[in-house]
Amino acid sequence: MEEKRKIILDAIKEKKGHQIVSIDLTEVENSICDFFIICHGESTTQVSAIAESMETKLKKEAHVRAHHVEGMQNSQWVLLDYFDILVHVFQEEYRSFYKLEELWADGKITRVTEKS
């Protein structure tokens, strides 16, 4: 799982995703996964580029495919489900509106530096 998480974070950084957050939910009772990774892009183009980069890198480097992907049609909020890790790639205004970090604040939140 840690290798997958690292590849996801690298893919986000590579496409210059903003305010990357990793939320460890392993100690949270009844959580739907082990980690949430959240970031945002400045446009639909950047949001889809981040999501596509993640999918490509995970297939190539870890031979892992997303179980489910939602939101690629409009790229306002793309969800990539890797069973143990859920990745949310937002446009900034949608991230501000939904505030997932606040909903899962009982997890261990780590802000990831955007520099490689």
N, C-alpha and C. Protein backbone atom coordinates (compact mmCIF):
# COMPACT_ATOMS: atom_id res chain seq x y z
N MET A 1 0.82 -1.19 0.00
CA MET A 1 0.00 0.00 0.00
C MET A 1 0.87 1.26 0.00
N GLU A 2 1.98 1.24 0.70
CA GLU A 2 2.83 2.43 0.78
C GLU A 2 3.43 2.76 -0.58
N GLU A 3 3.79 1.73 -1.36
CA GLU A 3 4.32 1.97 -2.70
C GLU A 3 3.25 2.66 -3.57
N LYS A 4 2.03 2.18 -3.49
CA LYS A 4 0.92 2.76 -4.25
C LYS A 4 0.70 4.21 -3.84
N ARG A 5 0.74 4.47 -2.54
CA ARG A 5 0.55 5.82 -2.03
C ARG A 5 1.64 6.76 -2.55
N LYS A 6 2.88 6.29 -2.55
CA LYS A 6 4.01 7.10 -3.04
C LYS A 6 3.85 7.41 -4.53
N ILE A 7 3.44 6.43 -5.32
CA ILE A 7 3.25 6.64 -6.75
C ILE A 7 2.15 7.68 -6.99
N ILE A 8 1.06 7.58 -6.23
CA ILE A 8 -0.04 8.54 -6.35
C ILE A 8 0.45 9.95 -6.03
N LEU A 9 1.17 10.09 -4.93
CA LEU A 9 1.68 11.42 -4.54
C LEU A 9 2.65 11.97 -5.58
N ASP A 10 3.51 11.11 -6.12
CA ASP A 10 4.45 11.54 -7.16
C ASP A 10 3.72 12.00 -8.41
N ALA A 11 2.65 11.29 -8.79
CA ALA A 11 1.88 11.66 -9.98
C ALA A 11 1.21 13.02 -9.79
N ILE A 12 0.70 13.25 -8.59
CA ILE A 12 0.07 14.55 -8.30
C ILE A 12 1.10 15.67 -8.38
N LYS A 13 2.25 15.46 -7.77
CA LYS A 13 3.31 16.47 -7.79
C LYS A 13 3.79 16.74 -9.21
N GLU A 14 3.90 15.67 -10.00
CA GLU A 14 4.38 15.79 -11.37
C GLU A 14 3.48 16.71 -12.20
N LYS A 15 2.19 16.68 -11.92
CA LYS A 15 1.23 17.52 -12.65
C LYS A 15 0.88 18.79 -11.87
N LYS A 16 1.69 19.08 -10.86
CA LYS A 16 1.57 20.32 -10.08
C LYS A 16 0.23 20.49 -9.37
N GLY A 17 -0.27 19.37 -8.79
CA GLY A 17 -1.48 19.44 -7.97
C GLY A 17 -1.22 20.31 -6.74
N HIS A 18 -2.25 20.95 -6.23
CA HIS A 18 -2.11 21.89 -5.12
C HIS A 18 -2.67 21.33 -3.81
N GLN A 19 -2.07 21.80 -2.72
CA GLN A 19 -2.51 21.49 -1.35
C GLN A 19 -2.80 20.00 -1.17
N ILE A 20 -1.79 19.21 -1.40
CA ILE A 20 -1.92 17.75 -1.31
C ILE A 20 -2.03 17.35 0.16
N VAL A 21 -3.05 16.54 0.44
CA VAL A 21 -3.30 16.07 1.79
C VAL A 21 -3.47 14.57 1.75
N SER A 22 -2.82 13.89 2.69
CA SER A 22 -3.01 12.45 2.88
C SER A 22 -3.64 12.26 4.25
N ILE A 23 -4.76 11.56 4.29
CA ILE A 23 -5.45 11.32 5.56
C ILE A 23 -5.40 9.84 5.87
N ASP A 24 -4.71 9.50 6.95
CA ASP A 24 -4.60 8.11 7.41
C ASP A 24 -5.85 7.77 8.22
N LEU A 25 -6.62 6.84 7.71
CA LEU A 25 -7.87 6.45 8.36
C LEU A 25 -7.80 5.06 8.99
N THR A 26 -6.59 4.52 9.11
CA THR A 26 -6.46 3.15 9.62
C THR A 26 -6.92 3.01 11.07
N GLU A 27 -6.87 4.08 11.83
CA GLU A 27 -7.31 4.02 13.23
C GLU A 27 -8.75 4.50 13.41
N VAL A 28 -9.40 4.88 12.32
CA VAL A 28 -10.77 5.40 12.40
C VAL A 28 -11.75 4.24 12.23
N GLU A 29 -12.59 4.07 13.19
CA GLU A 29 -13.57 2.99 13.17
C GLU A 29 -14.56 3.19 12.01
N ASN A 30 -14.86 2.13 11.32
CA ASN A 30 -15.83 2.12 10.21
C ASN A 30 -15.44 3.00 9.03
N SER A 31 -14.14 3.24 8.83
CA SER A 31 -13.74 4.03 7.67
C SER A 31 -13.89 3.19 6.40
N ILE A 32 -14.08 3.84 5.29
CA ILE A 32 -14.32 3.14 4.04
C ILE A 32 -13.04 2.72 3.31
N CYS A 33 -11.90 3.21 3.79
CA CYS A 33 -10.61 2.85 3.20
C CYS A 33 -9.52 3.15 4.23
N ASP A 34 -8.28 2.89 3.87
CA ASP A 34 -7.16 3.18 4.78
C ASP A 34 -6.64 4.60 4.63
N PHE A 35 -6.68 5.13 3.41
CA PHE A 35 -6.18 6.49 3.15
C PHE A 35 -7.09 7.23 2.20
N PHE A 36 -7.24 8.52 2.44
CA PHE A 36 -7.79 9.47 1.47
C PHE A 36 -6.60 10.31 1.04
N ILE A 37 -6.49 10.56 -0.24
CA ILE A 37 -5.52 11.53 -0.74
C ILE A 37 -6.34 12.57 -1.50
N ILE A 38 -6.12 13.83 -1.14
CA ILE A 38 -6.92 14.93 -1.70
C ILE A 38 -5.97 16.00 -2.25
N CYS A 39 -6.33 16.54 -3.41
CA CYS A 39 -5.59 17.67 -3.97
C CYS A 39 -6.54 18.42 -4.89
N HIS A 40 -6.06 19.52 -5.43
CA HIS A 40 -6.87 20.22 -6.42
C HIS A 40 -6.00 20.78 -7.54
N GLY A 41 -6.67 21.02 -8.67
CA GLY A 41 -6.04 21.64 -9.81
C GLY A 41 -6.74 22.95 -10.11
N GLU A 42 -6.16 23.73 -10.99
CA GLU A 42 -6.68 25.06 -11.30
C GLU A 42 -7.68 25.07 -12.45
N SER A 43 -7.83 23.95 -13.16
CA SER A 43 -8.72 23.89 -14.31
C SER A 43 -9.17 22.44 -14.53
N THR A 44 -10.18 22.28 -15.37
CA THR A 44 -10.61 20.91 -15.70
C THR A 44 -9.48 20.15 -16.40
N THR A 45 -8.72 20.87 -17.19
CA THR A 45 -7.59 20.24 -17.89
C THR A 45 -6.56 19.71 -16.90
N GLN A 46 -6.23 20.51 -15.89
CA GLN A 46 -5.25 20.07 -14.90
C GLN A 46 -5.81 18.93 -14.05
N VAL A 47 -7.07 19.00 -13.66
CA VAL A 47 -7.68 17.93 -12.86
C VAL A 47 -7.63 16.61 -13.62
N SER A 48 -8.02 16.63 -14.89
CA SER A 48 -7.98 15.38 -15.65
C SER A 48 -6.55 14.92 -15.90
N ALA A 49 -5.61 15.84 -16.08
CA ALA A 49 -4.20 15.46 -16.26
C ALA A 49 -3.65 14.78 -15.01
N ILE A 50 -4.00 15.28 -13.84
CA ILE A 50 -3.55 14.66 -12.58
C ILE A 50 -4.10 13.25 -12.49
N ALA A 51 -5.40 13.10 -12.73
CA ALA A 51 -6.04 11.78 -12.63
C ALA A 51 -5.44 10.80 -13.65
N GLU A 52 -5.27 11.25 -14.87
CA GLU A 52 -4.72 10.38 -15.91
C GLU A 52 -3.27 10.00 -15.62
N SER A 53 -2.50 10.94 -15.10
CA SER A 53 -1.11 10.66 -14.74
C SER A 53 -1.04 9.58 -13.66
N MET A 54 -1.92 9.71 -12.68
CA MET A 54 -1.98 8.74 -11.58
C MET A 54 -2.30 7.33 -12.11
N GLU A 55 -3.32 7.27 -12.97
CA GLU A 55 -3.71 5.97 -13.53
C GLU A 55 -2.58 5.35 -14.34
N THR A 56 -1.93 6.16 -15.17
CA THR A 56 -0.84 5.67 -16.01
C THR A 56 0.34 5.17 -15.17
N LYS A 57 0.75 5.98 -14.19
CA LYS A 57 1.90 5.61 -13.35
C LYS A 57 1.61 4.35 -12.54
N LEU A 58 0.40 4.24 -11.99
CA LEU A 58 0.07 3.05 -11.19
C LEU A 58 0.03 1.80 -12.05
N LYS A 59 -0.50 1.89 -13.26
CA LYS A 59 -0.53 0.73 -14.17
C LYS A 59 0.89 0.31 -14.52
N LYS A 60 1.72 1.31 -14.87
CA LYS A 60 3.08 1.03 -15.33
C LYS A 60 4.00 0.56 -14.21
N GLU A 61 3.98 1.27 -13.07
CA GLU A 61 4.96 1.00 -12.02
C GLU A 61 4.51 -0.04 -10.99
N ALA A 62 3.21 -0.16 -10.75
CA ALA A 62 2.74 -1.09 -9.72
C ALA A 62 1.76 -2.13 -10.26
N HIS A 63 1.47 -2.06 -11.56
CA HIS A 63 0.52 -2.99 -12.19
C HIS A 63 -0.83 -2.99 -11.46
N VAL A 64 -1.28 -1.78 -11.12
CA VAL A 64 -2.52 -1.59 -10.38
C VAL A 64 -3.45 -0.72 -11.21
N ARG A 65 -4.69 -1.13 -11.28
CA ARG A 65 -5.72 -0.34 -11.95
C ARG A 65 -6.75 0.09 -10.93
N ALA A 66 -7.37 1.23 -11.18
CA ALA A 66 -8.42 1.71 -10.29
C ALA A 66 -9.61 0.75 -10.36
N HIS A 67 -10.19 0.48 -9.22
CA HIS A 67 -11.40 -0.33 -9.16
C HIS A 67 -12.56 0.45 -9.78
N HIS A 68 -12.56 1.74 -9.54
CA HIS A 68 -13.65 2.59 -10.01
C HIS A 68 -13.13 4.02 -10.18
N VAL A 69 -13.58 4.69 -11.23
CA VAL A 69 -13.23 6.09 -11.48
C VAL A 69 -14.53 6.84 -11.79
N GLU A 70 -14.71 7.98 -11.14
CA GLU A 70 -15.88 8.82 -11.38
C GLU A 70 -15.45 10.26 -11.62
N GLY A 71 -16.19 10.96 -12.46
CA GLY A 71 -16.00 12.40 -12.61
C GLY A 71 -15.11 12.85 -13.75
N MET A 72 -14.59 11.93 -14.53
CA MET A 72 -13.68 12.33 -15.61
C MET A 72 -14.42 13.11 -16.71
N GLN A 73 -15.73 12.94 -16.82
CA GLN A 73 -16.49 13.62 -17.87
C GLN A 73 -16.40 15.13 -17.72
N ASN A 74 -16.57 15.64 -16.50
CA ASN A 74 -16.54 17.09 -16.33
C ASN A 74 -15.29 17.57 -15.56
N SER A 75 -14.57 16.67 -14.94
CA SER A 75 -13.31 16.97 -14.24
C SER A 75 -13.42 18.11 -13.23
N GLN A 76 -14.55 18.17 -12.53
CA GLN A 76 -14.70 19.11 -11.43
C GLN A 76 -14.27 18.44 -10.12
N TRP A 77 -14.61 17.15 -10.02
CA TRP A 77 -14.22 16.32 -8.87
C TRP A 77 -14.06 14.91 -9.40
N VAL A 78 -12.83 14.44 -9.45
CA VAL A 78 -12.56 13.10 -9.94
C VAL A 78 -12.22 12.22 -8.72
N LEU A 79 -12.88 11.09 -8.65
CA LEU A 79 -12.64 10.11 -7.59
C LEU A 79 -12.02 8.88 -8.22
N LEU A 80 -10.90 8.44 -7.66
CA LEU A 80 -10.25 7.21 -8.11
C LEU A 80 -10.21 6.27 -6.91
N ASP A 81 -10.81 5.11 -7.06
CA ASP A 81 -10.93 4.13 -5.98
C ASP A 81 -9.95 2.99 -6.20
N TYR A 82 -8.97 2.92 -5.30
CA TYR A 82 -7.98 1.84 -5.34
C TYR A 82 -8.17 0.91 -4.15
N PHE A 83 -9.40 0.71 -3.71
CA PHE A 83 -9.82 -0.09 -2.58
C PHE A 83 -9.31 0.47 -1.25
N ASP A 84 -8.01 0.36 -0.98
CA ASP A 84 -7.45 0.83 0.29
C ASP A 84 -7.13 2.31 0.28
N ILE A 85 -7.07 2.91 -0.91
CA ILE A 85 -6.79 4.34 -1.05
C ILE A 85 -7.85 4.95 -1.98
N LEU A 86 -8.49 6.01 -1.50
CA LEU A 86 -9.41 6.78 -2.33
C LEU A 86 -8.75 8.12 -2.63
N VAL A 87 -8.68 8.48 -3.89
CA VAL A 87 -8.05 9.73 -4.29
C VAL A 87 -9.12 10.67 -4.82
N HIS A 88 -9.11 11.89 -4.31
CA HIS A 88 -10.05 12.93 -4.73
C HIS A 88 -9.24 14.06 -5.36
N VAL A 89 -9.52 14.34 -6.64
CA VAL A 89 -8.86 15.43 -7.35
C VAL A 89 -9.96 16.43 -7.71
N PHE A 90 -9.88 17.60 -7.11
CA PHE A 90 -10.92 18.61 -7.27
C PHE A 90 -10.44 19.79 -8.09
N GLN A 91 -11.40 20.57 -8.60
CA GLN A 91 -11.14 21.96 -8.92
C GLN A 91 -11.27 22.68 -7.58
N GLU A 92 -10.52 23.74 -7.40
CA GLU A 92 -10.43 24.39 -6.10
C GLU A 92 -11.79 24.77 -5.51
N GLU A 93 -12.69 25.34 -6.30
CA GLU A 93 -13.99 25.78 -5.76
C GLU A 93 -14.81 24.61 -5.22
N TYR A 94 -14.71 23.44 -5.85
CA TYR A 94 -15.46 22.27 -5.38
C TYR A 94 -14.83 21.70 -4.12
N ARG A 95 -13.52 21.76 -4.05
CA ARG A 95 -12.84 21.30 -2.84
C ARG A 95 -13.25 22.17 -1.65
N SER A 96 -13.27 23.48 -1.86
CA SER A 96 -13.68 24.40 -0.80
C SER A 96 -15.12 24.17 -0.36
N PHE A 97 -15.97 23.84 -1.31
CA PHE A 97 -17.38 23.63 -1.01
C PHE A 97 -17.60 22.34 -0.21
N TYR A 98 -16.98 21.23 -0.63
CA TYR A 98 -17.24 19.93 0.01
C TYR A 98 -16.43 19.69 1.28
N LYS A 99 -15.27 20.31 1.41
CA LYS A 99 -14.46 20.26 2.64
C LYS A 99 -14.28 18.85 3.20
N LEU A 100 -13.79 17.94 2.37
CA LEU A 100 -13.60 16.56 2.81
C LEU A 100 -12.63 16.44 3.98
N GLU A 101 -11.62 17.31 4.00
CA GLU A 101 -10.66 17.25 5.11
C GLU A 101 -11.38 17.43 6.45
N GLU A 102 -12.37 18.29 6.49
CA GLU A 102 -13.12 18.52 7.73
C GLU A 102 -13.99 17.32 8.07
N LEU A 103 -14.57 16.68 7.06
CA LEU A 103 -15.43 15.52 7.31
C LEU A 103 -14.65 14.35 7.89
N TRP A 104 -13.39 14.22 7.50
CA TRP A 104 -12.56 13.11 7.96
C TRP A 104 -11.45 13.59 8.90
N ALA A 105 -11.72 14.64 9.65
CA ALA A 105 -10.71 15.24 10.52
C ALA A 105 -10.27 14.33 11.66
N ASP A 106 -11.02 13.26 11.94
CA ASP A 106 -10.60 12.34 12.99
C ASP A 106 -9.49 11.40 12.52
N GLY A 107 -9.16 11.44 11.23
CA GLY A 107 -8.00 10.71 10.72
C GLY A 107 -6.74 11.53 10.94
N LYS A 108 -5.60 10.91 10.71
CA LYS A 108 -4.32 11.62 10.85
C LYS A 108 -4.01 12.33 9.53
N ILE A 109 -4.09 13.65 9.56
CA ILE A 109 -3.93 14.45 8.35
C ILE A 109 -2.47 14.88 8.19
N THR A 110 -1.94 14.59 7.01
CA THR A 110 -0.57 14.99 6.67
C THR A 110 -0.62 15.85 5.43
N ARG A 111 -0.09 17.07 5.53
CA ARG A 111 0.01 17.95 4.38
C ARG A 111 1.32 17.62 3.66
N VAL A 112 1.20 17.32 2.40
CA VAL A 112 2.35 16.87 1.61
C VAL A 112 2.92 18.05 0.86
N THR A 113 4.24 18.21 0.93
CA THR A 113 4.88 19.31 0.20
C THR A 113 4.73 19.07 -1.30
N GLU A 114 4.51 20.15 -2.04
CA GLU A 114 4.28 20.04 -3.49
C GLU A 114 5.57 19.95 -4.26
N LYS A 115 6.68 20.23 -3.63
CA LYS A 115 7.98 20.12 -4.29
C LYS A 115 8.40 18.66 -4.31
N SER A 116 9.02 18.24 -5.41
CA SER A 116 9.48 16.86 -5.52
C SER A 116 10.76 16.62 -4.77
